[in-house]
N, C-alpha and C. Protein backbone atom coordinates (compact mmCIF):
# COMPACT_ATOMS: atom_id res chain seq x y z
N UNK A 1 -3.13 -65.35 -87.27
CA UNK A 1 -2.85 -63.97 -86.96
C UNK A 1 -1.35 -63.75 -86.69
N UNK A 2 -0.69 -64.72 -86.06
CA UNK A 2 0.73 -64.59 -85.80
C UNK A 2 1.52 -64.44 -87.09
N UNK A 3 1.09 -65.16 -88.13
CA UNK A 3 1.77 -65.05 -89.42
C UNK A 3 1.68 -63.63 -89.94
N UNK A 4 0.50 -63.07 -89.85
CA UNK A 4 0.29 -61.73 -90.39
C UNK A 4 1.08 -60.68 -89.62
N UNK A 5 1.10 -60.79 -88.30
CA UNK A 5 1.87 -59.86 -87.48
C UNK A 5 3.34 -59.97 -87.85
N UNK A 6 3.85 -61.18 -87.97
CA UNK A 6 5.26 -61.37 -88.32
C UNK A 6 5.54 -60.81 -89.71
N UNK A 7 4.68 -61.11 -90.66
CA UNK A 7 4.87 -60.68 -92.04
C UNK A 7 4.82 -59.16 -92.17
N UNK A 8 3.79 -58.54 -91.62
CA UNK A 8 3.62 -57.10 -91.76
C UNK A 8 4.65 -56.33 -90.94
N UNK A 9 5.08 -56.86 -89.80
CA UNK A 9 6.12 -56.16 -89.04
C UNK A 9 7.44 -56.16 -89.80
N UNK A 10 7.72 -57.23 -90.56
CA UNK A 10 8.91 -57.23 -91.42
C UNK A 10 8.80 -56.19 -92.52
N UNK A 11 7.61 -56.06 -93.09
CA UNK A 11 7.39 -55.04 -94.12
C UNK A 11 7.51 -53.64 -93.55
N UNK A 12 6.96 -53.46 -92.36
CA UNK A 12 7.05 -52.15 -91.68
C UNK A 12 8.50 -51.79 -91.38
N UNK A 13 9.27 -52.77 -90.94
CA UNK A 13 10.69 -52.52 -90.66
C UNK A 13 11.42 -52.07 -91.91
N UNK A 14 11.16 -52.73 -93.03
CA UNK A 14 11.77 -52.33 -94.30
C UNK A 14 11.32 -50.92 -94.69
N UNK A 15 10.04 -50.61 -94.47
CA UNK A 15 9.51 -49.28 -94.79
C UNK A 15 10.23 -48.20 -93.99
N UNK A 16 10.45 -48.46 -92.70
CA UNK A 16 11.13 -47.48 -91.85
C UNK A 16 12.56 -47.27 -92.32
N UNK A 17 13.22 -48.34 -92.74
CA UNK A 17 14.62 -48.23 -93.17
C UNK A 17 14.76 -47.58 -94.53
N UNK A 18 13.87 -47.89 -95.48
CA UNK A 18 14.05 -47.45 -96.85
C UNK A 18 13.09 -46.35 -97.29
N UNK A 19 11.85 -46.35 -96.79
CA UNK A 19 10.85 -45.40 -97.24
C UNK A 19 10.25 -45.74 -98.59
N UNK A 20 10.63 -46.89 -99.15
CA UNK A 20 10.10 -47.32 -100.45
C UNK A 20 8.95 -48.29 -100.20
N UNK A 21 7.75 -47.89 -100.53
CA UNK A 21 6.56 -48.68 -100.19
C UNK A 21 6.56 -50.04 -100.88
N UNK A 22 6.67 -50.07 -102.19
CA UNK A 22 6.60 -51.34 -102.92
C UNK A 22 7.78 -52.24 -102.57
N UNK A 23 8.98 -51.68 -102.51
CA UNK A 23 10.17 -52.46 -102.16
C UNK A 23 10.09 -53.02 -100.75
N UNK A 24 9.46 -52.28 -99.85
CA UNK A 24 9.31 -52.75 -98.46
C UNK A 24 8.41 -53.97 -98.39
N UNK A 25 7.35 -53.96 -99.18
CA UNK A 25 6.45 -55.12 -99.20
C UNK A 25 7.17 -56.34 -99.77
N UNK A 26 7.90 -56.14 -100.86
CA UNK A 26 8.61 -57.25 -101.50
C UNK A 26 9.69 -57.79 -100.58
N UNK A 27 10.53 -56.91 -100.05
CA UNK A 27 11.63 -57.37 -99.19
C UNK A 27 11.12 -57.96 -97.88
N UNK A 28 10.09 -57.35 -97.29
CA UNK A 28 9.53 -57.88 -96.05
C UNK A 28 8.95 -59.27 -96.25
N UNK A 29 8.25 -59.47 -97.37
CA UNK A 29 7.70 -60.80 -97.67
C UNK A 29 8.82 -61.79 -97.96
N UNK A 30 9.84 -61.34 -98.68
CA UNK A 30 10.97 -62.22 -99.00
C UNK A 30 11.67 -62.72 -97.73
N UNK A 31 11.82 -61.84 -96.76
CA UNK A 31 12.50 -62.23 -95.52
C UNK A 31 11.61 -63.07 -94.61
N UNK A 32 10.30 -62.96 -94.76
CA UNK A 32 9.38 -63.66 -93.86
C UNK A 32 8.88 -64.99 -94.40
N UNK A 33 9.00 -65.21 -95.70
CA UNK A 33 8.36 -66.38 -96.32
C UNK A 33 8.90 -67.70 -95.75
N UNK A 34 10.15 -67.78 -95.43
CA UNK A 34 10.71 -69.03 -94.89
C UNK A 34 10.14 -69.35 -93.51
N UNK A 35 10.05 -68.33 -92.68
CA UNK A 35 9.54 -68.55 -91.32
C UNK A 35 8.06 -68.91 -91.36
N UNK A 36 7.29 -68.20 -92.19
CA UNK A 36 5.86 -68.49 -92.30
C UNK A 36 5.65 -69.90 -92.86
N UNK A 37 6.44 -70.27 -93.85
CA UNK A 37 6.33 -71.61 -94.43
C UNK A 37 6.68 -72.67 -93.40
N UNK A 38 7.76 -72.48 -92.68
CA UNK A 38 8.17 -73.46 -91.67
C UNK A 38 7.11 -73.59 -90.58
N UNK A 39 6.56 -72.47 -90.14
CA UNK A 39 5.52 -72.52 -89.10
C UNK A 39 4.28 -73.24 -89.59
N UNK A 40 3.92 -73.02 -90.85
CA UNK A 40 2.73 -73.68 -91.40
C UNK A 40 2.95 -75.17 -91.56
N UNK A 41 4.18 -75.60 -91.85
CA UNK A 41 4.46 -77.02 -92.07
C UNK A 41 4.68 -77.81 -90.79
N UNK A 42 4.94 -77.14 -89.69
CA UNK A 42 5.18 -77.83 -88.42
C UNK A 42 3.88 -78.39 -87.83
N UNK A 43 2.78 -77.78 -88.15
CA UNK A 43 1.48 -78.20 -87.59
C UNK A 43 1.15 -79.64 -88.00
N UNK A 44 0.25 -80.30 -87.28
CA UNK A 44 -0.21 -81.63 -87.71
C UNK A 44 -0.79 -81.54 -89.12
N UNK A 45 -0.71 -82.64 -89.86
CA UNK A 45 -1.06 -82.65 -91.28
C UNK A 45 -2.47 -82.13 -91.55
N UNK A 46 -3.48 -82.61 -90.87
CA UNK A 46 -4.85 -82.17 -91.14
C UNK A 46 -5.02 -80.67 -90.89
N UNK A 47 -4.47 -80.22 -89.79
CA UNK A 47 -4.57 -78.80 -89.45
C UNK A 47 -3.64 -77.97 -90.31
N UNK A 48 -2.52 -78.55 -90.70
CA UNK A 48 -1.52 -77.84 -91.51
C UNK A 48 -2.06 -77.44 -92.87
N UNK A 49 -2.90 -78.26 -93.46
CA UNK A 49 -3.46 -77.90 -94.77
C UNK A 49 -4.30 -76.64 -94.67
N UNK A 50 -5.13 -76.55 -93.65
CA UNK A 50 -5.95 -75.35 -93.48
C UNK A 50 -5.08 -74.13 -93.18
N UNK A 51 -4.10 -74.32 -92.32
CA UNK A 51 -3.21 -73.21 -91.96
C UNK A 51 -2.37 -72.80 -93.16
N UNK A 52 -1.88 -73.78 -93.92
CA UNK A 52 -1.05 -73.48 -95.08
C UNK A 52 -1.83 -72.69 -96.13
N UNK A 53 -3.08 -73.07 -96.35
CA UNK A 53 -3.90 -72.34 -97.31
C UNK A 53 -4.09 -70.91 -96.82
N UNK A 54 -4.37 -70.77 -95.53
CA UNK A 54 -4.53 -69.44 -94.96
C UNK A 54 -3.22 -68.66 -95.06
N UNK A 55 -2.12 -69.30 -94.68
CA UNK A 55 -0.83 -68.61 -94.68
C UNK A 55 -0.41 -68.21 -96.08
N UNK A 56 -0.57 -69.09 -97.04
CA UNK A 56 -0.11 -68.79 -98.39
C UNK A 56 -1.10 -67.90 -99.14
N UNK A 57 -2.37 -68.27 -99.13
CA UNK A 57 -3.34 -67.55 -99.94
C UNK A 57 -3.67 -66.18 -99.37
N UNK A 58 -3.91 -66.12 -98.08
CA UNK A 58 -4.35 -64.86 -97.49
C UNK A 58 -3.16 -64.01 -97.04
N UNK A 59 -2.34 -64.56 -96.19
CA UNK A 59 -1.27 -63.75 -95.58
C UNK A 59 -0.21 -63.33 -96.59
N UNK A 60 0.33 -64.27 -97.32
CA UNK A 60 1.43 -63.93 -98.22
C UNK A 60 0.96 -63.27 -99.50
N UNK A 61 -0.24 -63.57 -99.96
CA UNK A 61 -0.69 -63.04 -101.23
C UNK A 61 -1.57 -61.81 -101.06
N UNK A 62 -2.69 -61.97 -100.36
CA UNK A 62 -3.67 -60.90 -100.27
C UNK A 62 -3.15 -59.70 -99.48
N UNK A 63 -2.59 -59.92 -98.31
CA UNK A 63 -2.10 -58.81 -97.50
C UNK A 63 -0.96 -58.10 -98.21
N UNK A 64 -0.04 -58.86 -98.80
CA UNK A 64 1.08 -58.25 -99.53
C UNK A 64 0.57 -57.43 -100.72
N UNK A 65 -0.42 -57.94 -101.43
CA UNK A 65 -0.96 -57.23 -102.59
C UNK A 65 -1.64 -55.93 -102.16
N UNK A 66 -2.42 -55.97 -101.10
CA UNK A 66 -3.11 -54.76 -100.63
C UNK A 66 -2.10 -53.71 -100.17
N UNK A 67 -1.06 -54.13 -99.45
CA UNK A 67 -0.04 -53.18 -99.00
C UNK A 67 0.72 -52.59 -100.18
N UNK A 68 1.02 -53.41 -101.19
CA UNK A 68 1.72 -52.92 -102.38
C UNK A 68 0.86 -51.93 -103.14
N UNK A 69 -0.43 -52.21 -103.27
CA UNK A 69 -1.34 -51.31 -103.98
C UNK A 69 -1.54 -50.00 -103.23
N UNK A 70 -1.57 -50.08 -101.92
CA UNK A 70 -1.77 -48.87 -101.11
C UNK A 70 -0.54 -47.98 -101.10
N UNK A 71 0.63 -48.55 -101.33
CA UNK A 71 1.86 -47.75 -101.38
C UNK A 71 2.15 -47.06 -100.07
N UNK A 72 2.53 -45.79 -100.16
CA UNK A 72 2.87 -45.01 -98.97
C UNK A 72 1.67 -44.82 -98.05
N UNK A 73 0.48 -44.89 -98.60
CA UNK A 73 -0.73 -44.69 -97.80
C UNK A 73 -0.96 -45.83 -96.80
N UNK A 74 -0.37 -46.98 -97.03
CA UNK A 74 -0.53 -48.11 -96.11
C UNK A 74 0.09 -47.81 -94.75
N UNK A 75 1.07 -46.92 -94.72
CA UNK A 75 1.79 -46.64 -93.48
C UNK A 75 1.42 -45.28 -92.89
N UNK A 76 0.45 -44.58 -93.50
CA UNK A 76 0.04 -43.27 -93.03
C UNK A 76 -0.90 -43.41 -91.84
N UNK A 77 -0.78 -42.50 -90.90
CA UNK A 77 -1.64 -42.50 -89.72
C UNK A 77 -2.05 -41.06 -89.44
N UNK A 78 -3.35 -40.79 -89.26
CA UNK A 78 -3.77 -39.42 -88.98
C UNK A 78 -3.14 -38.91 -87.68
N UNK A 79 -2.78 -37.64 -87.66
CA UNK A 79 -2.10 -37.06 -86.50
C UNK A 79 -2.96 -37.15 -85.24
N UNK A 80 -4.28 -36.95 -85.37
CA UNK A 80 -5.14 -37.00 -84.19
C UNK A 80 -5.17 -38.41 -83.59
N UNK A 81 -5.10 -39.43 -84.44
CA UNK A 81 -5.08 -40.80 -83.94
C UNK A 81 -3.72 -41.16 -83.37
N UNK A 82 -2.67 -40.64 -83.97
CA UNK A 82 -1.30 -40.91 -83.51
C UNK A 82 -1.09 -40.42 -82.08
N UNK A 83 -1.78 -39.33 -81.71
CA UNK A 83 -1.66 -38.80 -80.35
C UNK A 83 -2.22 -39.74 -79.30
N UNK A 84 -3.24 -40.52 -79.67
CA UNK A 84 -3.88 -41.42 -78.72
C UNK A 84 -3.24 -42.79 -78.64
N UNK A 85 -2.48 -43.18 -79.64
CA UNK A 85 -1.87 -44.52 -79.67
C UNK A 85 -0.50 -44.51 -79.02
N UNK A 86 -0.15 -45.63 -78.44
CA UNK A 86 1.19 -45.78 -77.87
C UNK A 86 2.22 -45.89 -78.97
N UNK A 87 3.39 -45.33 -78.75
CA UNK A 87 4.50 -45.45 -79.69
C UNK A 87 5.52 -46.38 -79.06
N UNK A 88 5.41 -47.67 -79.39
CA UNK A 88 6.26 -48.68 -78.75
C UNK A 88 7.65 -48.77 -79.35
N UNK A 89 7.83 -48.42 -80.62
CA UNK A 89 9.12 -48.44 -81.31
C UNK A 89 9.82 -49.79 -81.14
N UNK A 90 9.14 -50.84 -81.54
CA UNK A 90 9.64 -52.20 -81.39
C UNK A 90 10.93 -52.41 -82.16
N UNK A 91 11.05 -51.81 -83.34
CA UNK A 91 12.23 -52.00 -84.17
C UNK A 91 13.42 -51.18 -83.70
N UNK A 92 13.24 -50.26 -82.78
CA UNK A 92 14.34 -49.44 -82.28
C UNK A 92 14.71 -48.31 -83.22
N UNK A 93 13.74 -47.81 -83.98
CA UNK A 93 14.00 -46.76 -84.96
C UNK A 93 14.50 -45.48 -84.31
N UNK A 94 13.94 -45.14 -83.16
CA UNK A 94 14.37 -43.91 -82.49
C UNK A 94 15.83 -43.96 -82.09
N UNK A 95 16.32 -45.13 -81.74
CA UNK A 95 17.72 -45.27 -81.37
C UNK A 95 18.64 -45.01 -82.56
N UNK A 96 18.21 -45.44 -83.74
CA UNK A 96 19.03 -45.23 -84.93
C UNK A 96 19.01 -43.78 -85.38
N UNK A 97 17.91 -43.07 -85.14
CA UNK A 97 17.79 -41.69 -85.56
C UNK A 97 18.25 -40.70 -84.49
N UNK A 98 18.64 -41.19 -83.31
CA UNK A 98 19.07 -40.31 -82.23
C UNK A 98 20.34 -39.58 -82.63
N UNK A 99 20.43 -38.29 -82.33
CA UNK A 99 21.64 -37.54 -82.70
C UNK A 99 22.85 -38.05 -81.93
N UNK A 100 23.94 -38.10 -82.64
CA UNK A 100 25.19 -38.53 -82.00
C UNK A 100 25.65 -37.44 -81.04
N UNK A 101 26.04 -37.81 -79.86
CA UNK A 101 26.59 -36.85 -78.92
C UNK A 101 28.09 -36.85 -79.08
N UNK A 102 28.61 -35.69 -79.27
CA UNK A 102 30.05 -35.59 -79.49
C UNK A 102 30.76 -35.62 -78.14
N UNK A 103 31.86 -36.33 -78.14
CA UNK A 103 32.66 -36.38 -76.92
C UNK A 103 33.75 -35.32 -77.05
N UNK A 104 33.74 -34.37 -76.15
CA UNK A 104 34.74 -33.31 -76.18
C UNK A 104 35.59 -33.40 -74.93
N UNK A 105 36.84 -33.05 -75.12
CA UNK A 105 37.74 -32.99 -73.98
C UNK A 105 37.36 -31.76 -73.14
N UNK A 106 37.38 -31.88 -71.82
CA UNK A 106 37.06 -30.70 -70.98
C UNK A 106 38.11 -29.61 -71.16
N UNK A 107 37.64 -28.38 -71.15
CA UNK A 107 38.57 -27.26 -71.30
C UNK A 107 39.38 -27.10 -70.03
N UNK A 108 40.65 -26.83 -70.25
CA UNK A 108 41.54 -26.64 -69.09
C UNK A 108 41.53 -25.18 -68.66
N UNK A 109 41.44 -24.99 -67.39
CA UNK A 109 41.45 -23.64 -66.85
C UNK A 109 42.88 -23.33 -66.45
N UNK A 110 43.42 -22.20 -66.97
CA UNK A 110 44.80 -21.83 -66.64
C UNK A 110 44.86 -20.95 -65.45
């Protein structure tokens, strides 16, 4: 499950930055594949084979394919459900979209 959370959060981050559904899946997987591979290979050999099959076959292939096929719909959330869920903003998107506050010199009173 940690692999999937890491993988999909990278895809979500790309989606927030670019808005391109297919490109977000490709770039998110591209950036995550090294970490997922390293994590799968660190495990003991017997357990690593099972984890590697899961990590490669399911996480990197199946989840990526489903997200690519779903396109923009993969990131859609109904408004009624959005009201009930917490908005944690882990990637800091709100900070990047915050309006710049202009610094003005105070007016001098004569």
